[in-house]
Amino acid sequence: MKWKYVCIGASLLLGACQPMANQQANTVKPSTETVSKEKSATKKVLEASFKTFDGKTVHLSDYKGKKVYIKVWASWCPTCLAGLPEVDALAANHSEDSVILSVVAPGVNREKKAQDFKEWFSGLEYKNLPVLMAETPDFFKQVGVIGYPTSVFINQNGELVQAHPGHLENEVIQKYLEKM
């Protein structure tokens, strides 16, 4: 009987950060495939752009020549929030040939609106982790985000190497970056 409750609790926790099935028109539609080097050839990330908190536009092509790690997350996701201190530490101490970023999509998939998100995040203690805002769910669709958090790895040529659903520890992220 005890295991029944443990299994139910684990299912609720793991399912908590998945996109909702029935949402408004501006939500991310889950992709059926996770892109990985083993499963398919690397795929070009096309013209992805994001906004910074101060309104500047950042393009993935700005990071050409660097290995890019992106944590895709949401403020309502407990697994995402639990992993923020770790990825903030990684952003403070990464190699010169890599970039550590995070991306949220304000107003999409139950995420706070942009201004509310900025106010909420500014009250947190994560000062090393750049947070970029996707204005549309297009990037999430391109890389196959099916839930939060998702780790996205992009090589020096701007090609998607892997999108990995779920939390990854810093040691695993660093190993992926070293192999790219």
Protein backbone atom coordinates (compact mmCIF):
# COMPACT_ATOMS: atom_id res chain seq x y z
CA MET A 1 0.00 0.00 0.00
CA LYS A 2 2.89 2.35 0.83
CA TRP A 3 4.38 1.85 -2.67
CA LYS A 4 1.06 2.77 -4.24
CA TYR A 5 1.25 6.23 -2.67
CA VAL A 6 4.92 6.59 -3.56
CA CYS A 7 4.15 5.77 -7.21
CA ILE A 8 1.20 8.16 -7.31
CA GLY A 9 3.30 10.95 -5.78
CA ALA A 10 6.15 10.36 -8.22
CA SER A 11 3.74 10.40 -11.17
CA LEU A 12 2.27 13.70 -10.03
CA LEU A 13 5.70 15.25 -9.54
CA LEU A 14 7.04 14.07 -12.91
CA GLY A 15 3.88 15.11 -14.71
CA ALA A 16 3.78 18.53 -13.06
CA CYS A 17 6.08 20.17 -15.59
CA GLN A 18 4.58 18.74 -18.75
CA PRO A 19 2.66 21.03 -21.11
CA MET A 20 -1.09 20.89 -20.74
CA ALA A 21 -2.95 19.06 -23.49
CA ASN A 22 -5.88 21.47 -23.86
CA GLN A 23 -4.72 25.08 -23.93
CA GLN A 24 -5.31 28.28 -25.84
CA ALA A 25 -3.98 28.85 -29.35
CA ASN A 26 -0.65 30.38 -28.23
CA THR A 27 0.72 27.25 -26.62
CA VAL A 28 3.54 24.93 -27.56
CA LYS A 29 2.35 21.87 -29.40
CA PRO A 30 4.50 18.92 -28.32
CA SER A 31 6.79 17.38 -30.86
CA THR A 32 6.85 13.62 -31.11
CA GLU A 33 10.61 13.36 -31.45
CA THR A 34 13.57 14.27 -29.31
CA VAL A 35 16.45 15.22 -31.53
CA SER A 36 19.74 13.56 -30.72
CA LYS A 37 22.94 12.85 -32.57
CA GLU A 38 22.39 9.09 -32.27
CA LYS A 39 18.86 9.25 -33.64
CA SER A 40 19.37 11.66 -36.54
CA ALA A 41 21.93 13.93 -38.13
CA THR A 42 22.45 17.34 -36.61
CA LYS A 43 19.78 19.80 -37.60
CA LYS A 44 20.22 23.50 -38.32
CA VAL A 45 18.55 25.84 -35.84
CA LEU A 46 16.91 28.42 -38.04
CA GLU A 47 16.98 32.14 -37.24
CA ALA A 48 16.00 31.79 -33.57
CA SER A 49 15.84 35.11 -31.75
CA PHE A 50 14.97 36.12 -28.21
CA LYS A 51 14.54 39.27 -26.12
CA THR A 52 16.60 40.20 -23.09
CA PHE A 53 14.98 41.78 -20.03
CA ASP A 54 16.04 45.22 -21.29
CA GLY A 55 14.40 44.65 -24.70
CA LYS A 56 17.47 43.88 -26.81
CA THR A 57 17.18 41.18 -29.47
CA VAL A 58 19.59 38.27 -29.24
CA HIS A 59 20.03 35.80 -32.12
CA LEU A 60 21.45 32.30 -31.78
CA SER A 61 23.79 33.24 -34.62
CA ASP A 62 25.38 35.74 -32.20
CA TYR A 63 26.96 32.70 -30.52
CA LYS A 64 28.40 31.11 -33.67
CA GLY A 65 31.78 29.61 -32.86
CA LYS A 66 30.70 28.71 -29.31
CA LYS A 67 29.05 25.62 -27.87
CA VAL A 68 25.65 26.66 -26.52
CA TYR A 69 23.70 25.10 -23.68
CA ILE A 70 20.14 26.35 -23.21
CA LYS A 71 17.88 25.41 -20.32
CA VAL A 72 14.26 25.78 -21.43
CA TRP A 73 12.12 26.24 -18.35
CA ALA A 74 9.01 27.79 -16.78
CA SER A 75 8.41 29.66 -13.54
CA TRP A 76 5.56 27.33 -12.55
CA CYS A 77 7.66 24.15 -12.93
CA PRO A 78 8.98 22.86 -9.57
CA THR A 79 11.66 20.72 -11.23
CA CYS A 80 12.86 23.75 -13.19
CA LEU A 81 13.03 25.92 -10.10
CA ALA A 82 14.88 23.26 -8.13
CA GLY A 83 17.56 23.14 -10.86
CA LEU A 84 18.10 26.92 -11.16
CA PRO A 85 20.82 27.19 -8.48
CA GLU A 86 22.83 24.50 -10.24
CA VAL A 87 22.57 26.03 -13.73
CA ASP A 88 23.28 29.49 -12.26
CA ALA A 89 26.52 28.07 -10.82
CA LEU A 90 27.34 26.55 -14.23
CA ALA A 91 26.77 29.93 -15.90
CA ALA A 92 29.29 31.45 -13.47
CA ASN A 93 31.95 28.80 -14.17
CA HIS A 94 31.95 27.50 -17.73
CA SER A 95 34.67 27.14 -20.33
CA GLU A 96 35.55 29.99 -22.70
CA ASP A 97 34.33 28.04 -25.72
CA SER A 98 30.77 27.68 -24.39
CA VAL A 99 27.77 29.81 -23.48
CA ILE A 100 25.16 28.97 -20.83
CA LEU A 101 21.68 30.45 -21.39
CA SER A 102 18.11 29.91 -20.31
CA VAL A 103 14.94 30.54 -22.27
CA VAL A 104 11.37 31.08 -21.12
CA ALA A 105 8.29 31.89 -23.19
CA PRO A 106 6.20 34.56 -21.44
CA GLY A 107 2.48 34.11 -21.99
CA VAL A 108 2.93 30.62 -23.46
CA ASN A 109 2.02 27.37 -21.73
CA ARG A 110 0.86 28.92 -18.46
CA GLU A 111 3.98 31.10 -18.14
CA LYS A 112 3.65 34.57 -16.62
CA LYS A 113 3.36 37.54 -18.97
CA ALA A 114 6.72 39.18 -19.79
CA GLN A 115 6.52 42.07 -17.31
CA ASP A 116 5.27 39.82 -14.50
CA PHE A 117 8.03 37.32 -15.22
CA LYS A 118 10.74 40.00 -15.19
CA GLU A 119 9.51 41.36 -11.85
CA TRP A 120 9.29 37.87 -10.35
CA PHE A 121 12.73 36.78 -11.59
CA SER A 122 14.44 40.00 -10.50
CA GLY A 123 13.52 39.11 -6.91
CA LEU A 124 15.47 35.85 -7.12
CA GLU A 125 19.15 35.36 -6.32
CA TYR A 126 20.29 34.05 -9.74
CA LYS A 127 22.71 36.68 -10.99
CA ASN A 128 24.88 34.62 -13.39
CA LEU A 129 22.24 32.96 -15.53
CA PRO A 130 21.14 34.94 -18.59
CA VAL A 131 17.39 34.59 -19.12
CA LEU A 132 16.16 35.13 -22.65
CA MET A 133 12.49 35.41 -23.59
CA ALA A 134 11.03 33.69 -26.63
CA GLU A 135 8.27 35.86 -28.05
CA THR A 136 6.73 32.90 -29.88
CA PRO A 137 6.88 29.13 -29.32
CA ASP A 138 8.69 28.63 -32.67
CA PHE A 139 12.09 27.83 -31.10
CA PHE A 140 10.46 25.33 -28.74
CA LYS A 141 8.84 23.60 -31.71
CA GLN A 142 12.12 23.59 -33.71
CA VAL A 143 14.05 21.81 -30.98
CA GLY A 144 11.21 19.49 -29.93
CA VAL A 145 10.40 20.72 -26.43
CA ILE A 146 7.77 18.37 -25.00
CA GLY A 147 7.98 19.44 -21.36
CA TYR A 148 9.94 21.46 -18.87
CA PRO A 149 12.78 21.58 -18.20
CA THR A 150 14.49 20.70 -21.47
CA SER A 151 18.23 20.94 -22.10
CA VAL A 152 19.22 22.07 -25.59
CA PHE A 153 22.74 21.66 -26.97
CA ILE A 154 23.84 23.62 -30.05
CA ASN A 155 27.27 23.20 -31.63
CA GLN A 156 29.70 25.88 -32.82
CA ASN A 157 28.04 25.90 -36.26
CA GLY A 158 24.62 26.73 -34.82
CA GLU A 159 23.29 23.21 -35.36
CA LEU A 160 21.03 21.44 -32.91
CA VAL A 161 22.93 18.48 -31.46
CA GLN A 162 20.46 17.34 -28.82
CA ALA A 163 17.31 18.35 -26.95
CA HIS A 164 17.04 16.38 -23.72
CA PRO A 165 13.80 16.48 -21.71
CA GLY A 166 14.12 16.62 -17.94
CA HIS A 167 16.70 17.94 -15.51
CA LEU A 168 20.40 17.37 -16.16
CA GLU A 169 23.07 17.84 -13.52
CA ASN A 170 25.99 20.16 -14.28
CA GLU A 171 28.46 17.29 -14.62
CA VAL A 172 26.31 15.76 -17.37
CA ILE A 173 25.89 19.11 -19.13
CA GLN A 174 29.66 19.68 -19.05
CA LYS A 175 30.30 16.21 -20.51
CA TYR A 176 27.86 16.90 -23.37
CA LEU A 177 29.56 20.23 -24.07
CA GLU A 178 33.03 18.63 -24.04
CA LYS A 179 31.93 15.97 -26.56
CA MET A 180 30.55 18.51 -29.03
